[in-house]
Structures are given as C-alpha cells and as structure tokens.
Amino acid sequence: TGVFVLSLSAIPVTYVFNHLVSQHEESYRTIG
C-alpha cells in the first residue's frame, strides 16, 4: 500500500514543479 501511495504522490509533484519551471506564464492551478 505504501509503495502505491507514495509512487503516485510523486508523479503529480514532479509534474507540478516541471510545469512551474518551464511555463512561468501559465497558471498551474488546475494541475495543482
């Protein structure tokens, strides 16, 4: 259970921060 919980938690986190770095002009509110 922990493996599945933590692995999926990491995916959106990585996406959010990549989005922040590469797309400063766009809102990250939706994915956030």
ModelCIF file with pLDDT and N, C-alpha, C, O atoms, coordinates in Angstrom:
data_MODEL
#
_entry.id   MODEL 
#
_entity.id                         1 
_entity.type                       polymer 
_entity.pdbx_number_of_molecules   1 
#
_entity_poly.entity_id                      1 
_entity_poly.type                           'polypeptide(L)' 
_entity_poly.nstd_linkage                   no 
_entity_poly.nstd_monomer                   no 
_entity_poly.pdbx_seq_one_letter_code       TGVFVLSLSAIPVTYVFNHLVSQHEESYRTIG 
_entity_poly.pdbx_seq_one_letter_code_can   TGVFVLSLSAIPVTYVFNHLVSQHEESYRTIG 
_entity_poly.pdbx_strand_id                 A 
#
loop_
_entity_poly_seq.entity_id 
_entity_poly_seq.num 
_entity_poly_seq.mon_id 
_entity_poly_seq.hetero 
1 1  THR n 
1 2  GLY n 
1 3  VAL n 
1 4  PHE n 
1 5  VAL n 
1 6  LEU n 
1 7  SER n 
1 8  LEU n 
1 9  SER n 
1 10 ALA n 
1 11 ILE n 
1 12 PRO n 
1 13 VAL n 
1 14 THR n 
1 15 TYR n 
1 16 VAL n 
1 17 PHE n 
1 18 ASN n 
1 19 HIS n 
1 20 LEU n 
1 21 VAL n 
1 22 SER n 
1 23 GLN n 
1 24 HIS n 
1 25 GLU n 
1 26 GLU n 
1 27 SER n 
1 28 TYR n 
1 29 ARG n 
1 30 THR n 
1 31 ILE n 
1 32 GLY n 
#
_struct_asym.id          A 
_struct_asym.entity_id   1 
#
loop_
_ma_qa_metric.id 
_ma_qa_metric.mode 
_ma_qa_metric.name 
_ma_qa_metric.software_group_id 
_ma_qa_metric.type 
1 global pLDDT . pLDDT 
2 local  pLDDT . pLDDT 
#
_ma_qa_metric_global.metric_id      1 
_ma_qa_metric_global.metric_value   56.34 
_ma_qa_metric_global.model_id       1 
_ma_qa_metric_global.ordinal_id     1 
#
loop_
_ma_qa_metric_local.label_asym_id 
_ma_qa_metric_local.label_comp_id 
_ma_qa_metric_local.label_seq_id 
_ma_qa_metric_local.metric_id 
_ma_qa_metric_local.metric_value 
_ma_qa_metric_local.model_id 
_ma_qa_metric_local.ordinal_id 
A THR 1  2 51.00 1 1  
A GLY 2  2 53.00 1 2  
A VAL 3  2 50.00 1 3  
A PHE 4  2 52.00 1 4  
A VAL 5  2 52.00 1 5  
A LEU 6  2 52.00 1 6  
A SER 7  2 50.00 1 7  
A LEU 8  2 51.00 1 8  
A SER 9  2 53.00 1 9  
A ALA 10 2 52.00 1 10 
A ILE 11 2 56.00 1 11 
A PRO 12 2 54.00 1 12 
A VAL 13 2 54.00 1 13 
A THR 14 2 55.00 1 14 
A TYR 15 2 57.00 1 15 
A VAL 16 2 54.00 1 16 
A PHE 17 2 51.00 1 17 
A ASN 18 2 55.00 1 18 
A HIS 19 2 54.00 1 19 
A LEU 20 2 51.00 1 20 
A VAL 21 2 43.00 1 21 
A SER 22 2 53.00 1 22 
A GLN 23 2 54.00 1 23 
A HIS 24 2 45.00 1 24 
A GLU 25 2 44.00 1 25 
A GLU 26 2 47.00 1 26 
A SER 27 2 58.00 1 27 
A TYR 28 2 73.00 1 28 
A ARG 29 2 81.00 1 29 
A THR 30 2 84.00 1 30 
A ILE 31 2 82.00 1 31 
A GLY 32 2 82.00 1 32 
#
loop_
_atom_site.group_PDB 
_atom_site.id 
_atom_site.type_symbol 
_atom_site.label_atom_id 
_atom_site.label_alt_id 
_atom_site.label_comp_id 
_atom_site.label_asym_id 
_atom_site.label_entity_id 
_atom_site.label_seq_id 
_atom_site.pdbx_PDB_ins_code 
_atom_site.Cartn_x 
_atom_site.Cartn_y 
_atom_site.Cartn_z 
_atom_site.occupancy 
_atom_site.B_iso_or_equiv 
_atom_site.pdbx_formal_charge 
_atom_site.auth_seq_id 
_atom_site.auth_comp_id 
_atom_site.auth_asym_id 
_atom_site.auth_atom_id 
_atom_site.pdbx_PDB_model_num 
ATOM 1   N N  . THR A 1 1  ? 0.834  -1.199 0.000   1.00 51.00 ? 1  THR A N  1 
ATOM 2   C CA . THR A 1 1  ? 0.000  0.000  0.000   1.00 51.00 ? 1  THR A CA 1 
ATOM 3   C C  . THR A 1 1  ? 0.867  1.247  0.000   1.00 51.00 ? 1  THR A C  1 
ATOM 4   O O  . THR A 1 1  ? 0.595  2.193  -0.739  1.00 51.00 ? 1  THR A O  1 
ATOM 5   N N  . GLY A 1 2  ? 1.910  1.256  0.824   1.00 53.00 ? 2  GLY A N  1 
ATOM 6   C CA . GLY A 1 2  ? 2.785  2.412  0.898   1.00 53.00 ? 2  GLY A CA 1 
ATOM 7   C C  . GLY A 1 2  ? 3.481  2.697  -0.414  1.00 53.00 ? 2  GLY A C  1 
ATOM 8   O O  . GLY A 1 2  ? 3.622  3.855  -0.809  1.00 53.00 ? 2  GLY A O  1 
ATOM 9   N N  . VAL A 1 3  ? 3.922  1.638  -1.099  1.00 50.00 ? 3  VAL A N  1 
ATOM 10  C CA . VAL A 1 3  ? 4.591  1.817  -2.383  1.00 50.00 ? 3  VAL A CA 1 
ATOM 11  C C  . VAL A 1 3  ? 3.662  2.492  -3.380  1.00 50.00 ? 3  VAL A C  1 
ATOM 12  O O  . VAL A 1 3  ? 4.059  3.436  -4.063  1.00 50.00 ? 3  VAL A O  1 
ATOM 13  N N  . PHE A 1 4  ? 2.430  2.014  -3.466  1.00 52.00 ? 4  PHE A N  1 
ATOM 14  C CA . PHE A 1 4  ? 1.483  2.588  -4.426  1.00 52.00 ? 4  PHE A CA 1 
ATOM 15  C C  . PHE A 1 4  ? 1.090  4.007  -4.031  1.00 52.00 ? 4  PHE A C  1 
ATOM 16  O O  . PHE A 1 4  ? 0.955  4.872  -4.896  1.00 52.00 ? 4  PHE A O  1 
ATOM 17  N N  . VAL A 1 5  ? 0.905  4.255  -2.738  1.00 52.00 ? 5  VAL A N  1 
ATOM 18  C CA . VAL A 1 5  ? 0.544  5.596  -2.281  1.00 52.00 ? 5  VAL A CA 1 
ATOM 19  C C  . VAL A 1 5  ? 1.632  6.593  -2.620  1.00 52.00 ? 5  VAL A C  1 
ATOM 20  O O  . VAL A 1 5  ? 1.361  7.643  -3.202  1.00 52.00 ? 5  VAL A O  1 
ATOM 21  N N  . LEU A 1 6  ? 2.868  6.266  -2.257  1.00 52.00 ? 6  LEU A N  1 
ATOM 22  C CA . LEU A 1 6  ? 3.968  7.208  -2.418  1.00 52.00 ? 6  LEU A CA 1 
ATOM 23  C C  . LEU A 1 6  ? 4.380  7.362  -3.882  1.00 52.00 ? 6  LEU A C  1 
ATOM 24  O O  . LEU A 1 6  ? 4.799  8.445  -4.291  1.00 52.00 ? 6  LEU A O  1 
ATOM 25  N N  . SER A 1 7  ? 4.268  6.290  -4.678  1.00 50.00 ? 7  SER A N  1 
ATOM 26  C CA . SER A 1 7  ? 4.669  6.408  -6.080  1.00 50.00 ? 7  SER A CA 1 
ATOM 27  C C  . SER A 1 7  ? 3.733  7.331  -6.831  1.00 50.00 ? 7  SER A C  1 
ATOM 28  O O  . SER A 1 7  ? 4.190  8.157  -7.621  1.00 50.00 ? 7  SER A O  1 
ATOM 29  N N  . LEU A 1 8  ? 2.434  7.212  -6.604  1.00 51.00 ? 8  LEU A N  1 
ATOM 30  C CA . LEU A 1 8  ? 1.515  8.094  -7.319  1.00 51.00 ? 8  LEU A CA 1 
ATOM 31  C C  . LEU A 1 8  ? 1.592  9.515  -6.779  1.00 51.00 ? 8  LEU A C  1 
ATOM 32  O O  . LEU A 1 8  ? 1.381  10.473 -7.523  1.00 51.00 ? 8  LEU A O  1 
ATOM 33  N N  . SER A 1 9  ? 1.894  9.663  -5.479  1.00 53.00 ? 9  SER A N  1 
ATOM 34  C CA . SER A 1 9  ? 2.040  11.010 -4.931  1.00 53.00 ? 9  SER A CA 1 
ATOM 35  C C  . SER A 1 9  ? 3.187  11.745 -5.618  1.00 53.00 ? 9  SER A C  1 
ATOM 36  O O  . SER A 1 9  ? 3.118  12.956 -5.825  1.00 53.00 ? 9  SER A O  1 
ATOM 37  N N  . ALA A 1 10 ? 4.232  11.017 -5.967  1.00 52.00 ? 10 ALA A N  1 
ATOM 38  C CA . ALA A 1 10 ? 5.409  11.661 -6.554  1.00 52.00 ? 10 ALA A CA 1 
ATOM 39  C C  . ALA A 1 10 ? 5.158  12.136 -7.981  1.00 52.00 ? 10 ALA A C  1 
ATOM 40  O O  . ALA A 1 10 ? 5.760  13.116 -8.421  1.00 52.00 ? 10 ALA A O  1 
ATOM 41  N N  . ILE A 1 11 ? 4.274  11.451 -8.709  1.00 56.00 ? 11 ILE A N  1 
ATOM 42  C CA . ILE A 1 11 ? 4.050  11.793 -10.113 1.00 56.00 ? 11 ILE A CA 1 
ATOM 43  C C  . ILE A 1 11 ? 3.487  13.197 -10.274 1.00 56.00 ? 11 ILE A C  1 
ATOM 44  O O  . ILE A 1 11 ? 4.058  13.993 -11.019 1.00 56.00 ? 11 ILE A O  1 
ATOM 45  N N  . PRO A 1 12 ? 2.360  13.540 -9.585  1.00 54.00 ? 12 PRO A N  1 
ATOM 46  C CA . PRO A 1 12 ? 1.856  14.911 -9.727  1.00 54.00 ? 12 PRO A CA 1 
ATOM 47  C C  . PRO A 1 12 ? 2.827  15.958 -9.206  1.00 54.00 ? 12 PRO A C  1 
ATOM 48  O O  . PRO A 1 12 ? 2.911  17.054 -9.760  1.00 54.00 ? 12 PRO A O  1 
ATOM 49  N N  . VAL A 1 13 ? 3.571  15.630 -8.133  1.00 54.00 ? 13 VAL A N  1 
ATOM 50  C CA . VAL A 1 13 ? 4.549  16.581 -7.596  1.00 54.00 ? 13 VAL A CA 1 
ATOM 51  C C  . VAL A 1 13 ? 5.578  16.928 -8.655  1.00 54.00 ? 13 VAL A C  1 
ATOM 52  O O  . VAL A 1 13 ? 5.867  18.103 -8.883  1.00 54.00 ? 13 VAL A O  1 
ATOM 53  N N  . THR A 1 14 ? 6.134  15.908 -9.304  1.00 55.00 ? 14 THR A N  1 
ATOM 54  C CA . THR A 1 14 ? 7.136  16.132 -10.341 1.00 55.00 ? 14 THR A CA 1 
ATOM 55  C C  . THR A 1 14 ? 6.560  16.972 -11.477 1.00 55.00 ? 14 THR A C  1 
ATOM 56  O O  . THR A 1 14 ? 7.214  17.885 -11.981 1.00 55.00 ? 14 THR A O  1 
ATOM 57  N N  . TYR A 1 15 ? 5.342  16.656 -11.871 1.00 57.00 ? 15 TYR A N  1 
ATOM 58  C CA . TYR A 1 15 ? 4.721  17.393 -12.971 1.00 57.00 ? 15 TYR A CA 1 
ATOM 59  C C  . TYR A 1 15 ? 4.514  18.852 -12.606 1.00 57.00 ? 15 TYR A C  1 
ATOM 60  O O  . TYR A 1 15 ? 4.783  19.740 -13.414 1.00 57.00 ? 15 TYR A O  1 
ATOM 61  N N  . VAL A 1 16 ? 4.039  19.104 -11.394 1.00 54.00 ? 16 VAL A N  1 
ATOM 62  C CA . VAL A 1 16 ? 3.772  20.482 -10.968 1.00 54.00 ? 16 VAL A CA 1 
ATOM 63  C C  . VAL A 1 16 ? 5.045  21.316 -11.019 1.00 54.00 ? 16 VAL A C  1 
ATOM 64  O O  . VAL A 1 16 ? 5.043  22.420 -11.562 1.00 54.00 ? 16 VAL A O  1 
ATOM 65  N N  . PHE A 1 17 ? 6.126  20.798 -10.459 1.00 51.00 ? 17 PHE A N  1 
ATOM 66  C CA . PHE A 1 17 ? 7.346  21.592 -10.410 1.00 51.00 ? 17 PHE A CA 1 
ATOM 67  C C  . PHE A 1 17 ? 7.987  21.737 -11.784 1.00 51.00 ? 17 PHE A C  1 
ATOM 68  O O  . PHE A 1 17 ? 8.570  22.779 -12.083 1.00 51.00 ? 17 PHE A O  1 
ATOM 69  N N  . ASN A 1 18 ? 7.891  20.714 -12.621 1.00 55.00 ? 18 ASN A N  1 
ATOM 70  C CA . ASN A 1 18 ? 8.355  20.866 -14.002 1.00 55.00 ? 18 ASN A CA 1 
ATOM 71  C C  . ASN A 1 18 ? 7.536  21.923 -14.730 1.00 55.00 ? 18 ASN A C  1 
ATOM 72  O O  . ASN A 1 18 ? 8.069  22.701 -15.521 1.00 55.00 ? 18 ASN A O  1 
ATOM 73  N N  . HIS A 1 19 ? 6.253  21.942 -14.457 1.00 54.00 ? 19 HIS A N  1 
ATOM 74  C CA . HIS A 1 19 ? 5.377  22.934 -15.080 1.00 54.00 ? 19 HIS A CA 1 
ATOM 75  C C  . HIS A 1 19 ? 5.749  24.340 -14.613 1.00 54.00 ? 19 HIS A C  1 
ATOM 76  O O  . HIS A 1 19 ? 5.756  25.279 -15.408 1.00 54.00 ? 19 HIS A O  1 
ATOM 77  N N  . LEU A 1 20 ? 6.057  24.482 -13.334 1.00 51.00 ? 20 LEU A N  1 
ATOM 78  C CA . LEU A 1 20 ? 6.426  25.791 -12.800 1.00 51.00 ? 20 LEU A CA 1 
ATOM 79  C C  . LEU A 1 20 ? 7.715  26.298 -13.431 1.00 51.00 ? 20 LEU A C  1 
ATOM 80  O O  . LEU A 1 20 ? 7.853  27.483 -13.736 1.00 51.00 ? 20 LEU A O  1 
ATOM 81  N N  . VAL A 1 21 ? 8.650  25.382 -13.618 1.00 43.00 ? 21 VAL A N  1 
ATOM 82  C CA . VAL A 1 21 ? 9.945  25.780 -14.164 1.00 43.00 ? 21 VAL A CA 1 
ATOM 83  C C  . VAL A 1 21 ? 9.833  26.176 -15.636 1.00 43.00 ? 21 VAL A C  1 
ATOM 84  O O  . VAL A 1 21 ? 10.419 27.169 -16.066 1.00 43.00 ? 21 VAL A O  1 
ATOM 85  N N  . SER A 1 22 ? 9.070  25.385 -16.407 1.00 53.00 ? 22 SER A N  1 
ATOM 86  C CA . SER A 1 22 ? 9.048  25.587 -17.857 1.00 53.00 ? 22 SER A CA 1 
ATOM 87  C C  . SER A 1 22 ? 7.958  26.519 -18.349 1.00 53.00 ? 22 SER A C  1 
ATOM 88  O O  . SER A 1 22 ? 8.051  27.036 -19.462 1.00 53.00 ? 22 SER A O  1 
ATOM 89  N N  . GLN A 1 23 ? 6.917  26.750 -17.540 1.00 54.00 ? 23 GLN A N  1 
ATOM 90  C CA . GLN A 1 23 ? 5.774  27.542 -18.002 1.00 54.00 ? 23 GLN A CA 1 
ATOM 91  C C  . GLN A 1 23 ? 5.396  28.601 -16.970 1.00 54.00 ? 23 GLN A C  1 
ATOM 92  O O  . GLN A 1 23 ? 4.289  28.572 -16.434 1.00 54.00 ? 23 GLN A O  1 
ATOM 93  N N  . HIS A 1 24 ? 6.279  29.511 -16.695 1.00 45.00 ? 24 HIS A N  1 
ATOM 94  C CA . HIS A 1 24 ? 6.015  30.525 -15.675 1.00 45.00 ? 24 HIS A CA 1 
ATOM 95  C C  . HIS A 1 24 ? 4.796  31.375 -16.003 1.00 45.00 ? 24 HIS A C  1 
ATOM 96  O O  . HIS A 1 24 ? 4.099  31.847 -15.105 1.00 45.00 ? 24 HIS A O  1 
ATOM 97  N N  . GLU A 1 25 ? 4.541  31.568 -17.300 1.00 44.00 ? 25 GLU A N  1 
ATOM 98  C CA . GLU A 1 25 ? 3.473  32.469 -17.654 1.00 44.00 ? 25 GLU A CA 1 
ATOM 99  C C  . GLU A 1 25 ? 2.094  31.816 -17.539 1.00 44.00 ? 25 GLU A C  1 
ATOM 100 O O  . GLU A 1 25 ? 1.085  32.521 -17.575 1.00 44.00 ? 25 GLU A O  1 
ATOM 101 N N  . GLU A 1 26 ? 2.026  30.497 -17.401 1.00 47.00 ? 26 GLU A N  1 
ATOM 102 C CA . GLU A 1 26 ? 0.749  29.802 -17.342 1.00 47.00 ? 26 GLU A CA 1 
ATOM 103 C C  . GLU A 1 26 ? 0.401  29.453 -15.902 1.00 47.00 ? 26 GLU A C  1 
ATOM 104 O O  . GLU A 1 26 ? 1.282  29.211 -15.077 1.00 47.00 ? 26 GLU A O  1 
ATOM 105 N N  . SER A 1 27 ? -0.881 29.430 -15.615 1.00 58.00 ? 27 SER A N  1 
ATOM 106 C CA . SER A 1 27 ? -1.327 29.078 -14.283 1.00 58.00 ? 27 SER A CA 1 
ATOM 107 C C  . SER A 1 27 ? -1.172 27.576 -14.064 1.00 58.00 ? 27 SER A C  1 
ATOM 108 O O  . SER A 1 27 ? -1.509 26.768 -14.930 1.00 58.00 ? 27 SER A O  1 
ATOM 109 N N  . TYR A 1 28 ? -0.659 27.222 -12.894 1.00 73.00 ? 28 TYR A N  1 
ATOM 110 C CA . TYR A 1 28 ? -0.541 25.808 -12.550 1.00 73.00 ? 28 TYR A CA 1 
ATOM 111 C C  . TYR A 1 28 ? -1.644 25.405 -11.579 1.00 73.00 ? 28 TYR A C  1 
ATOM 112 O O  . TYR A 1 28 ? -1.554 24.368 -10.921 1.00 73.00 ? 28 TYR A O  1 
ATOM 113 N N  . ARG A 1 29 ? -2.675 26.223 -11.494 1.00 81.00 ? 29 ARG A N  1 
ATOM 114 C CA . ARG A 1 29 ? -3.720 25.999 -10.504 1.00 81.00 ? 29 ARG A CA 1 
ATOM 115 C C  . ARG A 1 29 ? -4.487 24.696 -10.752 1.00 81.00 ? 29 ARG A C  1 
ATOM 116 O O  . ARG A 1 29 ? -4.805 23.974 -9.807  1.00 81.00 ? 29 ARG A O  1 
ATOM 117 N N  . THR A 1 30 ? -4.781 24.397 -12.012 1.00 84.00 ? 30 THR A N  1 
ATOM 118 C CA . THR A 1 30 ? -5.574 23.209 -12.318 1.00 84.00 ? 30 THR A CA 1 
ATOM 119 C C  . THR A 1 30 ? -4.871 21.927 -11.901 1.00 84.00 ? 30 THR A C  1 
ATOM 120 O O  . THR A 1 30 ? -5.426 21.126 -11.150 1.00 84.00 ? 30 THR A O  1 
ATOM 121 N N  . ILE A 1 31 ? -3.644 21.730 -12.389 1.00 82.00 ? 31 ILE A N  1 
ATOM 122 C CA . ILE A 1 31 ? -2.907 20.526 -12.021 1.00 82.00 ? 31 ILE A CA 1 
ATOM 123 C C  . ILE A 1 31 ? -2.559 20.551 -10.539 1.00 82.00 ? 31 ILE A C  1 
ATOM 124 O O  . ILE A 1 31 ? -2.469 19.504 -9.898  1.00 82.00 ? 31 ILE A O  1 
ATOM 125 N N  . GLY A 1 32 ? -2.363 21.753 -9.998  1.00 82.00 ? 32 GLY A N  1 
ATOM 126 C CA . GLY A 1 32 ? -2.053 21.869 -8.573  1.00 82.00 ? 32 GLY A CA 1 
ATOM 127 C C  . GLY A 1 32 ? -3.187 21.400 -7.695  1.00 82.00 ? 32 GLY A C  1 
ATOM 128 O O  . GLY A 1 32 ? -3.076 21.437 -6.470  1.00 82.00 ? 32 GLY A O  1 
#
